[in-house]
Amino acid sequence: MAPLLLGAVMLVAQLQLVPSRPAVVSGEEPGQPELVRKAVSLQDVIPDRAAPNGSAQQLPQTIIIGVRKGGTRALLEMLSLHPDVAAAENEVHFFDWEEHYSQGLGWYLSQMPFSAPHQLTVEKTPAYFTSPKVPARVHGMNPGIRLLLILRDPSERVLSDYTQVFYNHVQKRKPYPSIEEFLVRDGRLNVDYKALNRSLYHLHMQNWLRFFPLRRIHIVDGDRLIRDPFPEIQKVERFLRLSPQINASNFYFNKTKGFYCLRDGGRDRCLHESKGRAHPQVDPRLLNKLHEYFHEPNKKFFELVGRTFDWH
């Protein structure tokens, strides 16, 4: 009996480690050479981390994969209004940071909130969308997972990206170049600027579609979510197969802040003051160059996902 118990303990210990590079499965479908074998869930081997009230930590059934400065925090906060949703508070960065991924699914599970059996566990890490190695790793954990992707006008997203980094430097009392210095090099648009690359949605989407069918990825219109959040959240509820619990009364427009805030059980709350900051003034000619640069990539993205967006 003792040898059997020892063997079981060793098996569990081995399963808690996920390799930093997922193993390739032989005989995969054409076009998917990196497809990984479905990882064995810790929940198949060891019990959930249970609490006395019957709640437990569960691996996420839904992940908000991006995009950075697309409205992921607003989406998560709005989705958290639903009683059947349990959301991780912080960005976990499990699939894109090697120091986290190397610790395995046991570590990932420990970052999840306690939830009831009927609740859906959600985590968000916006960097997942633009990280080349993440789709294979997520697929390795759960090929049937439902993914949420919120996107904004690519040009506006670039400006928001710059604005966030600019204010981070201001708070630390560090100088930071103007946005023109990043966007222009030798009189031309600087295509090496990382913020531009993050807005080339079709390139990153192609990578995700190698591992997940489009029906597993719901794209939230971030611009519409800002202007009129309720219809967009209704679509998310349907995609996640949640009962319709979020109502129009959960949203109210805050004239002082200039965007919608949330009303939950008589308690009002708005996003952090770092959200909704004014973008820097940009020369209209440079802004037009930005719009022109994204014109063809946007068309490719529309063709890829079979729908259009009201972008410049």
C-alpha atoms as a PDB file:
ATOM      1  CA  MET A   1       0.000   0.000   0.000  1.00  0.00           C
ATOM      2  CA  ALA A   2       2.826   2.406   0.878  1.00  0.00           C
ATOM      3  CA  PRO A   3       4.456   2.107  -2.590  1.00  0.00           C
ATOM      4  CA  LEU A   4       1.086   2.899  -4.226  1.00  0.00           C
ATOM      5  CA  LEU A   5       0.616   6.022  -2.101  1.00  0.00           C
ATOM      6  CA  LEU A   6       4.157   7.166  -2.863  1.00  0.00           C
ATOM      7  CA  GLY A   7       3.557   6.671  -6.590  1.00  0.00           C
ATOM      8  CA  ALA A   8       0.354   8.728  -6.469  1.00  0.00           C
ATOM      9  CA  VAL A   9       2.119  11.567  -4.673  1.00  0.00           C
ATOM     10  CA  MET A  10       4.898  11.583  -7.268  1.00  0.00           C
ATOM     11  CA  LEU A  11       2.355  11.659 -10.108  1.00  0.00           C
ATOM     12  CA  VAL A  12       0.634  14.718  -8.669  1.00  0.00           C
ATOM     13  CA  ALA A  13       3.951  16.478  -8.158  1.00  0.00           C
ATOM     14  CA  GLN A  14       4.921  15.874 -11.790  1.00  0.00           C
ATOM     15  CA  LEU A  15       1.588  17.108 -13.143  1.00  0.00           C
ATOM     16  CA  GLN A  16       1.967  20.411 -11.361  1.00  0.00           C
ATOM     17  CA  LEU A  17       4.848  21.347 -13.645  1.00  0.00           C
ATOM     18  CA  VAL A  18       4.014  22.618 -17.127  1.00  0.00           C
ATOM     19  CA  PRO A  19       6.973  22.794 -19.532  1.00  0.00           C
ATOM     20  CA  SER A  20       8.016  26.264 -20.632  1.00  0.00           C
ATOM     21  CA  ARG A  21       7.510  25.140 -24.242  1.00  0.00           C
ATOM     22  CA  PRO A  22       4.512  22.877 -24.884  1.00  0.00           C
ATOM     23  CA  ALA A  23       5.293  19.552 -26.470  1.00  0.00           C
ATOM     24  CA  VAL A  24       4.383  19.212 -30.157  1.00  0.00           C
ATOM     25  CA  VAL A  25       1.912  16.515 -31.048  1.00  0.00           C
ATOM     26  CA  SER A  26       2.816  14.366 -34.009  1.00  0.00           C
ATOM     27  CA  GLY A  27       0.305  14.072 -36.836  1.00  0.00           C
ATOM     28  CA  GLU A  28      -1.352  17.434 -36.287  1.00  0.00           C
ATOM     29  CA  GLU A  29      -3.654  19.061 -38.797  1.00  0.00           C
ATOM     30  CA  PRO A  30      -1.971  20.924 -41.671  1.00  0.00           C
ATOM     31  CA  GLY A  31      -1.172  24.516 -40.770  1.00  0.00           C
ATOM     32  CA  GLN A  32      -1.029  23.759 -37.045  1.00  0.00           C
ATOM     33  CA  PRO A  33       2.493  22.411 -36.429  1.00  0.00           C
ATOM     34  CA  GLU A  34       2.668  23.920 -32.960  1.00  0.00           C
ATOM     35  CA  LEU A  35      -0.638  22.467 -31.738  1.00  0.00           C
ATOM     36  CA  VAL A  36      -0.190  21.112 -28.248  1.00  0.00           C
ATOM     37  CA  ARG A  37      -1.789  18.141 -26.562  1.00  0.00           C
ATOM     38  CA  LYS A  38      -4.562  19.072 -24.127  1.00  0.00           C
ATOM     39  CA  ALA A  39      -2.969  19.475 -20.711  1.00  0.00           C
ATOM     40  CA  VAL A  40      -4.244  17.336 -17.870  1.00  0.00           C
ATOM     41  CA  SER A  41      -6.068  19.645 -15.499  1.00  0.00           C
ATOM     42  CA  LEU A  42      -4.991  19.619 -11.891  1.00  0.00           C
ATOM     43  CA  GLN A  43      -8.668  19.233 -11.092  1.00  0.00           C
ATOM     44  CA  ASP A  44      -8.568  15.789 -12.752  1.00  0.00           C
ATOM     45  CA  VAL A  45      -5.879  14.675 -10.343  1.00  0.00           C
ATOM     46  CA  ILE A  46      -6.241  16.582  -7.072  1.00  0.00           C
ATOM     47  CA  PRO A  47      -9.272  18.193  -5.422  1.00  0.00           C
ATOM     48  CA  ASP A  48     -10.033  21.890  -5.864  1.00  0.00           C
ATOM     49  CA  ARG A  49      -8.682  24.279  -3.251  1.00  0.00           C
ATOM     50  CA  ALA A  50     -11.934  24.211  -1.322  1.00  0.00           C
ATOM     51  CA  ALA A  51     -13.175  26.676   1.290  1.00  0.00           C
ATOM     52  CA  PRO A  52     -15.463  25.832   4.222  1.00  0.00           C
ATOM     53  CA  ASN A  53     -18.450  27.457   2.472  1.00  0.00           C
ATOM     54  CA  GLY A  54     -18.169  25.068  -0.470  1.00  0.00           C
ATOM     55  CA  SER A  55     -16.464  27.494  -2.857  1.00  0.00           C
ATOM     56  CA  ALA A  56     -13.248  26.508  -4.591  1.00  0.00           C
ATOM     57  CA  GLN A  57     -10.567  27.850  -6.898  1.00  0.00           C
ATOM     58  CA  GLN A  58     -11.105  26.749 -10.482  1.00  0.00           C
ATOM     59  CA  LEU A  59      -9.081  27.165 -13.655  1.00  0.00           C
ATOM     60  CA  PRO A  60     -10.702  29.858 -15.836  1.00  0.00           C
ATOM     61  CA  GLN A  61     -13.385  28.857 -18.292  1.00  0.00           C
ATOM     62  CA  THR A  62     -13.060  32.262 -19.978  1.00  0.00           C
ATOM     63  CA  ILE A  63     -10.065  34.536 -20.599  1.00  0.00           C
ATOM     64  CA  ILE A  64     -10.079  38.158 -21.754  1.00  0.00           C
ATOM     65  CA  ILE A  65      -7.025  38.003 -24.007  1.00  0.00           C
ATOM     66  CA  GLY A  66      -6.743  41.661 -24.995  1.00  0.00           C
ATOM     67  CA  VAL A  67      -6.063  43.999 -26.471  1.00  0.00           C
ATOM     68  CA  ARG A  68      -3.948  46.361 -24.377  1.00  0.00           C
ATOM     69  CA  LYS A  69      -5.719  49.740 -24.048  1.00  0.00           C
ATOM     70  CA  GLY A  70      -8.761  48.260 -25.733  1.00  0.00           C
ATOM     71  CA  GLY A  71     -11.036  48.438 -22.690  1.00  0.00           C
ATOM     72  CA  THR A  72     -10.255  45.152 -20.958  1.00  0.00           C
ATOM     73  CA  ARG A  73     -10.626  46.551 -17.434  1.00  0.00           C
ATOM     74  CA  ALA A  74     -13.999  48.107 -18.269  1.00  0.00           C
ATOM     75  CA  LEU A  75     -15.158  44.830 -19.801  1.00  0.00           C
ATOM     76  CA  LEU A  76     -14.089  42.828 -16.755  1.00  0.00           C
ATOM     77  CA  GLU A  77     -15.747  45.256 -14.335  1.00  0.00           C
ATOM     78  CA  MET A  78     -18.990  45.172 -16.316  1.00  0.00           C
ATOM     79  CA  LEU A  79     -18.938  41.411 -16.591  1.00  0.00           C
ATOM     80  CA  SER A  80     -18.380  41.200 -12.831  1.00  0.00           C
ATOM     81  CA  LEU A  81     -21.865  42.646 -12.354  1.00  0.00           C
ATOM     82  CA  HIS A  82     -23.177  39.199 -13.216  1.00  0.00           C
ATOM     83  CA  PRO A  83     -23.721  37.018 -10.130  1.00  0.00           C
ATOM     84  CA  ASP A  84     -22.498  33.920 -11.972  1.00  0.00           C
ATOM     85  CA  VAL A  85     -19.076  35.415 -12.749  1.00  0.00           C
ATOM     86  CA  ALA A  86     -16.021  35.220 -10.498  1.00  0.00           C
ATOM     87  CA  ALA A  87     -13.162  37.370 -11.804  1.00  0.00           C
ATOM     88  CA  ALA A  88      -9.481  37.346 -10.947  1.00  0.00           C
ATOM     89  CA  GLU A  89      -8.594  40.793  -9.587  1.00  0.00           C
ATOM     90  CA  ASN A  90      -5.159  41.172 -11.155  1.00  0.00           C
ATOM     91  CA  GLU A  91      -3.618  40.488 -14.537  1.00  0.00           C
ATOM     92  CA  VAL A  92      -2.088  37.053 -14.055  1.00  0.00           C
ATOM     93  CA  HIS A  93       0.410  36.941 -16.968  1.00  0.00           C
ATOM     94  CA  PHE A  94       0.611  33.168 -16.715  1.00  0.00           C
ATOM     95  CA  PHE A  95       0.892  32.261 -20.392  1.00  0.00           C
ATOM     96  CA  ASP A  96       3.206  35.091 -21.490  1.00  0.00           C
ATOM     97  CA  TRP A  97       5.705  35.347 -18.614  1.00  0.00           C
ATOM     98  CA  GLU A  98       8.153  32.458 -18.376  1.00  0.00           C
ATOM     99  CA  GLU A  99       8.709  32.917 -14.635  1.00  0.00           C
ATOM    100  CA  HIS A 100       4.978  32.292 -14.121  1.00  0.00           C
ATOM    101  CA  TYR A 101       4.408  29.646 -16.793  1.00  0.00           C
ATOM    102  CA  SER A 102       7.308  27.535 -15.564  1.00  0.00           C
ATOM    103  CA  GLN A 103       5.553  27.187 -12.182  1.00  0.00           C
ATOM    104  CA  GLY A 104       2.755  25.217 -13.813  1.00  0.00           C
ATOM    105  CA  LEU A 105      -1.006  24.983 -13.579  1.00  0.00           C
ATOM    106  CA  GLY A 106      -0.858  24.658  -9.796  1.00  0.00           C
ATOM    107  CA  TRP A 107       0.469  28.198  -9.550  1.00  0.00           C
ATOM    108  CA  TYR A 108      -2.098  29.435 -12.091  1.00  0.00           C
ATOM    109  CA  LEU A 109      -4.914  27.840 -10.119  1.00  0.00           C
ATOM    110  CA  SER A 110      -3.708  29.561  -6.951  1.00  0.00           C
ATOM    111  CA  GLN A 111      -4.194  32.964  -8.627  1.00  0.00           C
ATOM    112  CA  MET A 112      -7.881  32.353  -9.281  1.00  0.00           C
ATOM    113  CA  PRO A 113     -10.704  33.621  -7.056  1.00  0.00           C
ATOM    114  CA  PHE A 114     -12.791  31.278  -4.948  1.00  0.00           C
ATOM    115  CA  SER A 115     -16.069  30.583  -6.723  1.00  0.00           C
ATOM    116  CA  ALA A 116     -19.215  28.519  -6.377  1.00  0.00           C
ATOM    117  CA  PRO A 117     -19.629  25.441  -8.612  1.00  0.00           C
ATOM    118  CA  HIS A 118     -22.117  27.243 -10.875  1.00  0.00           C
ATOM    119  CA  GLN A 119     -19.934  30.312 -11.370  1.00  0.00           C
ATOM    120  CA  LEU A 120     -17.732  31.084 -14.357  1.00  0.00           C
ATOM    121  CA  THR A 121     -14.129  31.962 -13.518  1.00  0.00           C
ATOM    122  CA  VAL A 122     -12.659  34.732 -15.684  1.00  0.00           C
ATOM    123  CA  GLU A 123      -9.178  36.204 -15.875  1.00  0.00           C
ATOM    124  CA  LYS A 124      -7.815  38.967 -18.074  1.00  0.00           C
ATOM    125  CA  THR A 125      -4.327  39.667 -19.313  1.00  0.00           C
ATOM    126  CA  PRO A 126      -4.327  42.049 -22.313  1.00  0.00           C
ATOM    127  CA  ALA A 127      -0.808  41.089 -23.381  1.00  0.00           C
ATOM    128  CA  TYR A 128      -1.979  37.581 -24.312  1.00  0.00           C
ATOM    129  CA  PHE A 129      -3.419  38.727 -27.661  1.00  0.00           C
ATOM    130  CA  THR A 130      -0.112  40.014 -29.034  1.00  0.00           C
ATOM    131  CA  SER A 131       2.169  37.335 -27.543  1.00  0.00           C
ATOM    132  CA  PRO A 132       3.021  34.713 -30.223  1.00  0.00           C
ATOM    133  CA  LYS A 133       3.456  31.796 -27.798  1.00  0.00           C
ATOM    134  CA  VAL A 134       0.238  32.268 -25.841  1.00  0.00           C
ATOM    135  CA  PRO A 135      -2.412  30.709 -28.148  1.00  0.00           C
ATOM    136  CA  ALA A 136      -0.710  27.290 -28.141  1.00  0.00           C
ATOM    137  CA  ARG A 137      -0.334  27.375 -24.371  1.00  0.00           C
ATOM    138  CA  VAL A 138      -3.947  28.328 -23.740  1.00  0.00           C
ATOM    139  CA  HIS A 139      -5.064  25.590 -26.132  1.00  0.00           C
ATOM    140  CA  GLY A 140      -2.880  23.152 -24.240  1.00  0.00           C
ATOM    141  CA  MET A 141      -4.743  23.944 -21.043  1.00  0.00           C
ATOM    142  CA  ASN A 142      -8.248  23.878 -22.511  1.00  0.00           C
ATOM    143  CA  PRO A 143      -9.100  23.690 -26.249  1.00  0.00           C
ATOM    144  CA  GLY A 144     -12.762  24.391 -25.441  1.00  0.00           C
ATOM    145  CA  ILE A 145     -12.183  27.625 -23.529  1.00  0.00           C
ATOM    146  CA  ARG A 146     -14.191  30.725 -24.515  1.00  0.00           C
ATOM    147  CA  LEU A 147     -12.103  33.776 -25.313  1.00  0.00           C
ATOM    148  CA  LEU A 148     -13.063  37.452 -25.149  1.00  0.00           C
ATOM    149  CA  LEU A 149     -11.211  40.013 -27.255  1.00  0.00           C
ATOM    150  CA  ILE A 150     -12.064  43.709 -27.004  1.00  0.00           C
ATOM    151  CA  LEU A 151     -10.763  46.013 -29.743  1.00  0.00           C
ATOM    152  CA  ARG A 152     -10.840  49.738 -30.448  1.00  0.00           C
ATOM    153  CA  ASP A 153     -10.025  51.865 -33.456  1.00  0.00           C
ATOM    154  CA  PRO A 154      -6.320  50.994 -33.990  1.00  0.00           C
ATOM    155  CA  SER A 155      -5.262  54.654 -34.207  1.00  0.00           C
ATOM    156  CA  GLU A 156      -7.065  55.541 -30.991  1.00  0.00           C
ATOM    157  CA  ARG A 157      -5.537  52.490 -29.319  1.00  0.00           C
ATOM    158  CA  VAL A 158      -2.036  53.709 -30.259  1.00  0.00           C
ATOM    159  CA  LEU A 159      -2.741  57.090 -28.670  1.00  0.00           C
ATOM    160  CA  SER A 160      -4.081  55.425 -25.512  1.00  0.00           C
ATOM    161  CA  ASP A 161      -1.013  53.207 -25.389  1.00  0.00           C
ATOM    162  CA  TYR A 162       1.279  56.225 -25.494  1.00  0.00           C
ATOM    163  CA  THR A 163      -0.847  58.131 -22.960  1.00  0.00           C
ATOM    164  CA  GLN A 164      -0.593  55.358 -20.373  1.00  0.00           C
ATOM    165  CA  VAL A 165       3.199  55.144 -20.604  1.00  0.00           C
ATOM    166  CA  PHE A 166       3.483  58.949 -20.625  1.00  0.00           C
ATOM    167  CA  TYR A 167       1.526  59.302 -17.364  1.00  0.00           C
ATOM    168  CA  ASN A 168       3.482  56.462 -15.773  1.00  0.00           C
ATOM    169  CA  HIS A 169       6.624  58.514 -16.362  1.00  0.00           C
ATOM    170  CA  VAL A 170       4.977  61.714 -15.124  1.00  0.00           C
ATOM    171  CA  GLN A 171       4.020  60.032 -11.846  1.00  0.00           C
ATOM    172  CA  LYS A 172       7.644  58.969 -11.404  1.00  0.00           C
ATOM    173  CA  ARG A 173       8.784  62.481 -12.346  1.00  0.00           C
ATOM    174  CA  LYS A 174      10.698  61.140 -15.314  1.00  0.00           C
ATOM    175  CA  PRO A 175      10.873  62.853 -18.714  1.00  0.00           C
ATOM    176  CA  TYR A 176       9.215  61.170 -21.683  1.00  0.00           C
ATOM    177  CA  PRO A 177       9.416  62.059 -25.388  1.00  0.00           C
ATOM    178  CA  SER A 178       6.438  63.469 -27.264  1.00  0.00           C
ATOM    179  CA  ILE A 179       4.298  61.076 -29.259  1.00  0.00           C
ATOM    180  CA  GLU A 180       5.613  62.633 -32.490  1.00  0.00           C
ATOM    181  CA  GLU A 181       9.113  61.435 -31.577  1.00  0.00           C
ATOM    182  CA  PHE A 182       7.808  57.864 -31.445  1.00  0.00           C
ATOM    183  CA  LEU A 183       5.543  58.043 -34.477  1.00  0.00           C
ATOM    184  CA  VAL A 184       7.934  59.785 -36.872  1.00  0.00           C
ATOM    185  CA  ARG A 185      11.412  58.757 -37.934  1.00  0.00           C
ATOM    186  CA  ASP A 186      13.292  60.381 -40.824  1.00  0.00           C
ATOM    187  CA  GLY A 187      10.117  62.102 -41.917  1.00  0.00           C
ATOM    188  CA  ARG A 188       8.141  58.859 -42.160  1.00  0.00           C
ATOM    189  CA  LEU A 189       5.858  56.885 -39.897  1.00  0.00           C
ATOM    190  CA  ASN A 190       7.991  54.803 -37.545  1.00  0.00           C
ATOM    191  CA  VAL A 191       6.668  51.287 -38.177  1.00  0.00           C
ATOM    192  CA  ASP A 192       9.036  49.908 -35.534  1.00  0.00           C
ATOM    193  CA  TYR A 193       7.090  51.645 -32.756  1.00  0.00           C
ATOM    194  CA  LYS A 194       5.688  48.799 -30.636  1.00  0.00           C
ATOM    195  CA  ALA A 195       2.358  50.523 -30.132  1.00  0.00           C
ATOM    196  CA  LEU A 196       1.776  50.388 -33.894  1.00  0.00           C
ATOM    197  CA  ASN A 197       2.460  46.671 -33.993  1.00  0.00           C
ATOM    198  CA  ARG A 198      -0.058  46.013 -31.221  1.00  0.00           C
ATOM    199  CA  SER A 199      -2.738  47.594 -33.420  1.00  0.00           C
ATOM    200  CA  LEU A 200      -2.069  45.309 -36.406  1.00  0.00           C
ATOM    201  CA  TYR A 201      -4.945  43.136 -35.302  1.00  0.00           C
ATOM    202  CA  HIS A 202      -4.992  40.814 -38.321  1.00  0.00           C
ATOM    203  CA  LEU A 203      -1.459  39.547 -37.639  1.00  0.00           C
ATOM    204  CA  HIS A 204      -2.216  38.597 -34.046  1.00  0.00           C
ATOM    205  CA  MET A 205      -5.668  37.210 -34.892  1.00  0.00           C
ATOM    206  CA  GLN A 206      -4.150  34.880 -37.487  1.00  0.00           C
ATOM    207  CA  ASN A 207      -2.023  33.359 -34.749  1.00  0.00           C
ATOM    208  CA  TRP A 208      -5.044  32.726 -32.506  1.00  0.00           C
ATOM    209  CA  LEU A 209      -7.065  31.226 -35.351  1.00  0.00           C
ATOM    210  CA  ARG A 210      -4.379  28.600 -35.847  1.00  0.00           C
ATOM    211  CA  PHE A 211      -5.475  27.100 -32.538  1.00  0.00           C
ATOM    212  CA  PHE A 212      -9.063  28.218 -31.958  1.00  0.00           C
ATOM    213  CA  PRO A 213     -12.046  28.400 -34.329  1.00  0.00           C
ATOM    214  CA  LEU A 214     -13.623  31.817 -34.648  1.00  0.00           C
ATOM    215  CA  ARG A 215     -16.730  30.617 -32.809  1.00  0.00           C
ATOM    216  CA  ARG A 216     -14.595  30.343 -29.659  1.00  0.00           C
ATOM    217  CA  ILE A 217     -13.528  34.011 -29.806  1.00  0.00           C
ATOM    218  CA  HIS A 218     -16.047  36.775 -29.187  1.00  0.00           C
ATOM    219  CA  ILE A 219     -14.911  40.217 -30.312  1.00  0.00           C
ATOM    220  CA  VAL A 220     -16.259  43.092 -28.248  1.00  0.00           C
ATOM    221  CA  ASP A 221     -16.474  46.463 -29.975  1.00  0.00           C
ATOM    222  CA  GLY A 222     -14.545  48.616 -27.511  1.00  0.00           C
ATOM    223  CA  ASP A 223     -15.667  51.891 -29.072  1.00  0.00           C
ATOM    224  CA  ARG A 224     -19.320  50.918 -28.740  1.00  0.00           C
ATOM    225  CA  LEU A 225     -18.742  49.670 -25.209  1.00  0.00           C
ATOM    226  CA  ILE A 226     -17.630  53.194 -24.293  1.00  0.00           C
ATOM    227  CA  ARG A 227     -20.584  54.902 -26.006  1.00  0.00           C
ATOM    228  CA  ASP A 228     -23.355  52.442 -25.084  1.00  0.00           C
ATOM    229  CA  PRO A 229     -22.159  49.538 -22.902  1.00  0.00           C
ATOM    230  CA  PHE A 230     -25.376  47.612 -22.279  1.00  0.00           C
ATOM    231  CA  PRO A 231     -25.912  46.118 -25.798  1.00  0.00           C
ATOM    232  CA  GLU A 232     -22.282  44.966 -25.937  1.00  0.00           C
ATOM    233  CA  ILE A 233     -22.518  43.286 -22.529  1.00  0.00           C
ATOM    234  CA  GLN A 234     -25.718  41.528 -23.613  1.00  0.00           C
ATOM    235  CA  LYS A 235     -23.770  39.966 -26.487  1.00  0.00           C
ATOM    236  CA  VAL A 236     -21.080  38.830 -24.070  1.00  0.00           C
ATOM    237  CA  GLU A 237     -23.680  37.219 -21.796  1.00  0.00           C
ATOM    238  CA  ARG A 238     -25.072  35.260 -24.747  1.00  0.00           C
ATOM    239  CA  PHE A 239     -21.617  34.165 -25.911  1.00  0.00           C
ATOM    240  CA  LEU A 240     -20.727  32.902 -22.422  1.00  0.00           C
ATOM    241  CA  ARG A 241     -24.162  31.258 -22.108  1.00  0.00           C
ATOM    242  CA  LEU A 242     -24.953  33.239 -18.999  1.00  0.00           C
ATOM    243  CA  SER A 243     -28.510  34.010 -17.987  1.00  0.00           C
ATOM    244  CA  PRO A 244     -29.423  37.655 -18.751  1.00  0.00           C
ATOM    245  CA  GLN A 245     -28.803  39.264 -15.368  1.00  0.00           C
ATOM    246  CA  ILE A 246     -27.097  42.570 -16.267  1.00  0.00           C
ATOM    247  CA  ASN A 247     -29.556  45.379 -16.963  1.00  0.00           C
ATOM    248  CA  ALA A 248     -29.483  48.860 -18.490  1.00  0.00           C
ATOM    249  CA  SER A 249     -30.039  50.209 -14.967  1.00  0.00           C
ATOM    250  CA  ASN A 250     -26.564  48.936 -14.035  1.00  0.00           C
ATOM    251  CA  PHE A 251     -25.031  51.731 -16.137  1.00  0.00           C
ATOM    252  CA  TYR A 252     -25.206  55.498 -15.785  1.00  0.00           C
ATOM    253  CA  PHE A 253     -23.320  58.249 -17.555  1.00  0.00           C
ATOM    254  CA  ASN A 254     -21.042  60.274 -15.305  1.00  0.00           C
ATOM    255  CA  LYS A 255     -20.880  63.773 -16.793  1.00  0.00           C
ATOM    256  CA  THR A 256     -17.891  64.740 -14.677  1.00  0.00           C
ATOM    257  CA  LYS A 257     -15.761  61.821 -15.835  1.00  0.00           C
ATOM    258  CA  GLY A 258     -17.215  61.729 -19.326  1.00  0.00           C
ATOM    259  CA  PHE A 259     -17.911  57.993 -19.461  1.00  0.00           C
ATOM    260  CA  TYR A 260     -20.263  55.354 -18.104  1.00  0.00           C
ATOM    261  CA  CYS A 261     -19.988  54.138 -14.531  1.00  0.00           C
ATOM    262  CA  LEU A 262     -21.568  51.117 -12.856  1.00  0.00           C
ATOM    263  CA  ARG A 263     -24.399  50.750 -10.368  1.00  0.00           C
ATOM    264  CA  ASP A 264     -24.362  47.466  -8.478  1.00  0.00           C
ATOM    265  CA  GLY A 265     -26.869  46.773  -5.710  1.00  0.00           C
ATOM    266  CA  GLY A 266     -27.280  50.458  -4.910  1.00  0.00           C
ATOM    267  CA  ARG A 267     -23.526  51.041  -4.906  1.00  0.00           C
ATOM    268  CA  ASP A 268     -22.032  53.295  -7.583  1.00  0.00           C
ATOM    269  CA  ARG A 269     -18.506  52.764  -8.844  1.00  0.00           C
ATOM    270  CA  CYS A 270     -16.394  54.113 -11.670  1.00  0.00           C
ATOM    271  CA  LEU A 271     -13.171  52.968 -13.240  1.00  0.00           C
ATOM    272  CA  HIS A 272      -9.888  54.203 -11.796  1.00  0.00           C
ATOM    273  CA  GLU A 273      -8.914  57.785 -12.592  1.00  0.00           C
ATOM    274  CA  SER A 274      -6.153  56.439 -14.849  1.00  0.00           C
ATOM    275  CA  LYS A 275      -8.902  55.313 -17.268  1.00  0.00           C
ATOM    276  CA  GLY A 276     -10.348  57.728 -19.792  1.00  0.00           C
ATOM    277  CA  ARG A 277      -7.441  60.153 -19.775  1.00  0.00           C
ATOM    278  CA  ALA A 278      -7.303  62.758 -22.531  1.00  0.00           C
ATOM    279  CA  HIS A 279      -5.034  61.836 -25.429  1.00  0.00           C
ATOM    280  CA  PRO A 280      -2.200  64.138 -26.518  1.00  0.00           C
ATOM    281  CA  GLN A 281      -2.860  66.651 -29.270  1.00  0.00           C
ATOM    282  CA  VAL A 282      -1.529  65.252 -32.535  1.00  0.00           C
ATOM    283  CA  ASP A 283      -0.944  67.151 -35.772  1.00  0.00           C
ATOM    284  CA  PRO A 284      -3.902  66.308 -38.073  1.00  0.00           C
ATOM    285  CA  ARG A 285      -1.502  65.450 -40.905  1.00  0.00           C
ATOM    286  CA  LEU A 286       0.249  62.902 -38.720  1.00  0.00           C
ATOM    287  CA  LEU A 287      -3.096  61.531 -37.602  1.00  0.00           C
ATOM    288  CA  ASN A 288      -4.087  61.068 -41.236  1.00  0.00           C
ATOM    289  CA  LYS A 289      -0.861  59.157 -41.858  1.00  0.00           C
ATOM    290  CA  LEU A 290      -1.789  56.904 -38.961  1.00  0.00           C
ATOM    291  CA  HIS A 291      -5.256  56.282 -40.400  1.00  0.00           C
ATOM    292  CA  GLU A 292      -3.789  55.543 -43.828  1.00  0.00           C
ATOM    293  CA  TYR A 293      -1.274  53.123 -42.344  1.00  0.00           C
ATOM    294  CA  PHE A 294      -4.016  51.044 -40.724  1.00  0.00           C
ATOM    295  CA  HIS A 295      -6.412  51.117 -43.689  1.00  0.00           C
ATOM    296  CA  GLU A 296      -5.208  47.915 -45.389  1.00  0.00           C
ATOM    297  CA  PRO A 297      -4.496  45.983 -42.142  1.00  0.00           C
ATOM    298  CA  ASN A 298      -8.023  46.818 -40.982  1.00  0.00           C
ATOM    299  CA  LYS A 299      -9.510  45.466 -44.227  1.00  0.00           C
ATOM    300  CA  LYS A 300      -7.554  42.233 -43.743  1.00  0.00           C
ATOM    301  CA  PHE A 301      -8.865  41.947 -40.199  1.00  0.00           C
ATOM    302  CA  PHE A 302     -12.466  42.502 -41.317  1.00  0.00           C
ATOM    303  CA  GLU A 303     -12.105  39.726 -43.902  1.00  0.00           C
ATOM    304  CA  LEU A 304     -10.542  37.442 -41.321  1.00  0.00           C
ATOM    305  CA  VAL A 305     -13.371  37.750 -38.797  1.00  0.00           C
ATOM    306  CA  GLY A 306     -16.259  38.273 -41.211  1.00  0.00           C
ATOM    307  CA  ARG A 307     -17.463  41.596 -39.823  1.00  0.00           C
ATOM    308  CA  THR A 308     -16.600  45.274 -40.003  1.00  0.00           C
ATOM    309  CA  PHE A 309     -16.001  47.975 -37.403  1.00  0.00           C
ATOM    310  CA  ASP A 310     -16.500  51.739 -37.547  1.00  0.00           C
ATOM    311  CA  TRP A 311     -12.804  52.605 -37.608  1.00  0.00           C
ATOM    312  CA  HIS A 312     -11.062  55.345 -39.581  1.00  0.00           C
END
